[in-house]
């Protein structure tokens, strides 16, 4: 199973700052956390160790990533990391509340790291729609990645990165905070925190209205 484990360089660079910025929102909480686009699974395992009272539900639409999550679980997983399942954030129905799935009303947060800029805008729209549909009042949507701030890139390197992304896939690109806030408001979510992170990334915290 070792050869199935993916090792994401970004994980080693960003797990500590992401954990620190999410800590005020997750410390002392209990319940279920749904992760969208878990990739290698390394963040899920690290977060589950940091917050043992939270039950982590990793998801990814790609089979190799789900195999990596399972392999990391077999090596390091604790009792609070569930088996990964396939979830397309852009889908109208996420099929939660079934076997091997979290209950929507038990969710205290949805986490999505480094996904929205390497996916079509429909994924971002679906992410907010799903959060609005499944999160109970007061629950959180926690995001991390590069973002534009009201029409402007926050660094020349992000502008170059955005151009590179769009050259590889015209449906990709660094998303604008204002656009995301507008979609969030359509689903009863409000931006509670926008915090600068290393390497010109940002952590975003949205809260579902009570």
Protein backbone atom coordinates (compact mmCIF):
# COMPACT_ATOMS: atom_id res chain seq x y z
CA UNK A 1 0.00 0.00 0.00
CA UNK A 2 3.00 2.31 0.39
CA UNK A 3 3.18 2.97 -3.34
CA UNK A 4 -0.36 4.40 -3.24
CA UNK A 5 0.55 7.17 -0.81
CA UNK A 6 0.91 10.55 -2.51
CA UNK A 7 3.20 13.11 -0.90
CA UNK A 8 2.10 16.69 -1.62
CA UNK A 9 4.94 19.24 -1.25
CA UNK A 10 2.38 21.96 -0.45
CA UNK A 11 1.27 20.00 2.60
CA UNK A 12 4.69 20.26 4.21
CA UNK A 13 4.84 23.99 3.50
CA UNK A 14 1.40 25.01 4.65
CA UNK A 15 0.03 22.58 7.24
CA UNK A 16 1.44 24.53 10.20
CA UNK A 17 0.13 27.99 9.18
CA UNK A 18 -3.26 26.56 8.15
CA UNK A 19 -3.60 24.74 11.46
CA UNK A 20 -2.73 27.93 13.33
CA UNK A 21 -5.26 30.09 11.50
CA UNK A 22 -8.07 27.52 11.80
CA UNK A 23 -7.38 26.84 15.49
CA UNK A 24 -9.51 29.69 16.89
CA UNK A 25 -12.47 28.35 14.91
CA UNK A 26 -12.03 24.61 15.62
CA UNK A 27 -10.39 24.39 19.05
CA UNK A 28 -12.75 22.98 21.65
CA UNK A 29 -15.35 21.91 19.08
CA UNK A 30 -16.75 18.43 18.55
CA UNK A 31 -18.69 17.04 15.63
CA UNK A 32 -18.13 16.22 11.98
CA UNK A 33 -15.96 18.04 9.42
CA UNK A 34 -16.41 17.39 5.71
CA UNK A 35 -13.32 18.04 3.58
CA UNK A 36 -13.85 18.78 -0.12
CA UNK A 37 -10.98 17.81 -2.42
CA UNK A 38 -8.75 16.11 0.15
CA UNK A 39 -6.03 15.26 -2.39
CA UNK A 40 -3.27 13.15 -0.88
CA UNK A 41 -5.08 12.98 2.48
CA UNK A 42 -2.17 14.36 4.47
CA UNK A 43 -4.04 17.45 5.66
CA UNK A 44 -6.95 15.29 6.82
CA UNK A 45 -4.67 13.08 8.92
CA UNK A 46 -2.82 16.06 10.40
CA UNK A 47 -6.01 17.95 11.25
CA UNK A 48 -7.57 14.85 12.78
CA UNK A 49 -4.56 14.50 15.07
CA UNK A 50 -4.74 18.18 16.02
CA UNK A 51 -8.47 18.07 16.78
CA UNK A 52 -9.24 14.57 18.11
CA UNK A 53 -12.79 15.53 19.13
CA UNK A 54 -13.63 16.17 15.46
CA UNK A 55 -14.52 13.38 13.07
CA UNK A 56 -12.91 14.07 9.69
CA UNK A 57 -14.65 13.01 6.47
CA UNK A 58 -12.23 13.27 3.51
CA UNK A 59 -13.57 13.32 -0.04
CA UNK A 60 -12.09 13.50 -3.51
CA UNK A 61 -13.57 12.92 -6.98
CA UNK A 62 -10.38 11.19 -8.19
CA UNK A 63 -9.71 7.50 -7.46
CA UNK A 64 -5.89 7.83 -7.07
CA UNK A 65 -6.39 10.51 -4.42
CA UNK A 66 -8.90 8.36 -2.54
CA UNK A 67 -6.44 5.46 -2.67
CA UNK A 68 -3.75 7.73 -1.23
CA UNK A 69 -6.06 8.80 1.60
CA UNK A 70 -6.79 5.16 2.40
CA UNK A 71 -3.08 4.34 2.35
CA UNK A 72 -2.25 7.20 4.72
CA UNK A 73 -5.13 6.11 6.98
CA UNK A 74 -3.72 2.58 7.10
CA UNK A 75 -0.31 3.94 8.10
CA UNK A 76 -1.19 6.81 10.44
CA UNK A 77 -4.94 7.13 10.71
CA UNK A 78 -6.73 7.55 13.99
CA UNK A 79 -10.24 6.54 14.88
CA UNK A 80 -11.56 9.97 13.92
CA UNK A 81 -10.64 9.79 10.22
CA UNK A 82 -13.35 8.15 8.14
CA UNK A 83 -12.90 6.35 4.83
CA UNK A 84 -12.80 8.72 1.84
CA UNK A 85 -15.66 8.86 -0.62
CA UNK A 86 -16.19 10.43 -4.03
CA UNK A 87 -17.87 13.82 -4.04
CA UNK A 88 -18.19 16.30 -6.89
CA UNK A 89 -18.68 19.70 -5.27
CA UNK A 90 -20.40 21.01 -8.42
CA UNK A 91 -23.09 18.33 -8.23
CA UNK A 92 -26.55 19.44 -7.20
CA UNK A 93 -26.84 16.53 -4.76
CA UNK A 94 -23.93 15.53 -2.51
CA UNK A 95 -25.64 12.37 -1.21
CA UNK A 96 -24.82 12.91 2.44
CA UNK A 97 -26.79 11.36 5.32
CA UNK A 98 -26.29 7.82 4.00
CA UNK A 99 -24.02 4.86 4.84
CA UNK A 100 -20.38 5.96 5.02
CA UNK A 101 -21.41 9.62 4.89
CA UNK A 102 -21.69 12.31 7.55
CA UNK A 103 -25.08 13.55 8.69
CA UNK A 104 -25.62 17.07 7.45
CA UNK A 105 -27.00 18.29 10.77
CA UNK A 106 -23.89 16.97 12.59
CA UNK A 107 -21.48 19.07 10.51
CA UNK A 108 -19.68 21.85 12.31
CA UNK A 109 -17.53 22.77 9.31
CA UNK A 110 -16.71 22.15 5.67
CA UNK A 111 -13.03 22.56 4.73
CA UNK A 112 -11.68 23.09 1.21
CA UNK A 113 -7.98 23.74 0.57
CA UNK A 114 -6.35 24.72 -2.73
CA UNK A 115 -9.28 23.65 -4.89
CA UNK A 116 -11.23 26.59 -6.26
CA UNK A 117 -8.42 27.97 -8.46
CA UNK A 118 -7.79 24.59 -10.15
CA UNK A 119 -11.42 23.80 -10.90
CA UNK A 120 -14.23 25.39 -12.91
CA UNK A 121 -16.23 28.21 -11.36
CA UNK A 122 -19.15 25.76 -11.12
CA UNK A 123 -17.20 23.97 -8.36
CA UNK A 124 -17.01 27.18 -6.32
CA UNK A 125 -20.72 27.78 -6.89
CA UNK A 126 -21.49 24.20 -5.89
CA UNK A 127 -19.28 24.46 -2.82
CA UNK A 128 -21.26 27.42 -1.48
CA UNK A 129 -24.57 25.87 -2.49
CA UNK A 130 -23.69 22.65 -0.68
CA UNK A 131 -22.51 24.53 2.38
CA UNK A 132 -25.74 26.49 2.43
CA UNK A 133 -27.78 23.32 2.04
CA UNK A 134 -26.04 21.11 4.58
CA UNK A 135 -24.42 23.32 7.21
CA UNK A 136 -26.56 24.14 10.23
CA UNK A 137 -26.69 27.69 11.55
CA UNK A 138 -23.39 28.87 12.98
CA UNK A 139 -21.33 26.21 11.20
CA UNK A 140 -18.29 27.18 9.13
CA UNK A 141 -16.92 26.96 5.61
CA UNK A 142 -13.10 27.19 5.81
CA UNK A 143 -11.13 27.86 2.62
CA UNK A 144 -7.45 28.28 1.81
CA UNK A 145 -5.63 29.27 -1.36
CA UNK A 146 -4.75 32.26 -3.57
CA UNK A 147 -7.46 34.87 -4.18
CA UNK A 148 -7.86 38.23 -5.84
CA UNK A 149 -9.13 41.01 -3.61
CA UNK A 150 -11.97 42.96 -5.22
CA UNK A 151 -10.60 42.82 -8.74
CA UNK A 152 -6.89 43.06 -7.97
CA UNK A 153 -4.19 40.48 -7.50
CA UNK A 154 -2.43 40.73 -4.17
CA UNK A 155 1.05 40.10 -5.60
CA UNK A 156 2.73 40.02 -9.05
CA UNK A 157 3.50 36.32 -8.51
CA UNK A 158 -0.23 35.62 -8.15
CA UNK A 159 -0.95 37.45 -11.40
CA UNK A 160 1.63 35.27 -13.16
CA UNK A 161 0.22 32.16 -11.50
CA UNK A 162 -3.30 33.12 -12.61
CA UNK A 163 -2.15 33.55 -16.21
CA UNK A 164 -0.41 30.18 -16.10
CA UNK A 165 -3.51 28.47 -14.72
CA UNK A 166 -5.72 29.95 -17.43
CA UNK A 167 -3.24 28.95 -20.14
CA UNK A 168 -3.45 25.36 -18.93
CA UNK A 169 -7.24 25.36 -18.59
CA UNK A 170 -9.45 28.36 -19.40
CA UNK A 171 -11.94 27.22 -16.75
CA UNK A 172 -9.31 27.59 -14.00
CA UNK A 173 -8.02 30.75 -12.38
CA UNK A 174 -7.59 32.66 -9.14
CA UNK A 175 -11.05 33.67 -7.90
CA UNK A 176 -12.05 37.09 -6.69
CA UNK A 177 -13.13 37.59 -3.08
CA UNK A 178 -16.00 39.85 -4.12
CA UNK A 179 -17.43 37.20 -6.46
CA UNK A 180 -17.18 34.60 -3.71
CA UNK A 181 -18.92 36.86 -1.19
CA UNK A 182 -21.79 37.40 -3.62
CA UNK A 183 -22.25 33.65 -4.14
CA UNK A 184 -21.95 33.07 -0.39
CA UNK A 185 -24.70 35.58 0.35
CA UNK A 186 -27.05 33.66 -1.96
CA UNK A 187 -26.68 30.69 0.39
CA UNK A 188 -26.90 32.41 3.79
CA UNK A 189 -23.12 32.46 4.30
CA UNK A 190 -21.20 35.53 5.44
CA UNK A 191 -17.46 36.19 5.38
CA UNK A 192 -16.22 36.22 8.99
CA UNK A 193 -12.45 36.28 8.37
CA UNK A 194 -10.06 36.97 5.49
CA UNK A 195 -6.49 36.45 6.66
CA UNK A 196 -3.22 36.76 4.77
CA UNK A 197 -1.08 33.63 4.80
CA UNK A 198 2.46 32.80 3.62
CA UNK A 199 3.27 32.73 -0.10
CA UNK A 200 0.46 35.18 -0.98
CA UNK A 201 -2.31 32.78 0.01
CA UNK A 202 -5.30 33.53 2.20
CA UNK A 203 -7.54 31.77 4.69
CA UNK A 204 -11.24 32.52 4.36
CA UNK A 205 -13.81 31.74 7.03
CA UNK A 206 -17.51 31.89 6.13
CA UNK A 207 -20.22 31.37 8.74
CA UNK A 208 -23.71 30.03 8.05
CA UNK A 209 -26.45 32.33 9.29
CA UNK A 210 -28.37 31.07 12.30
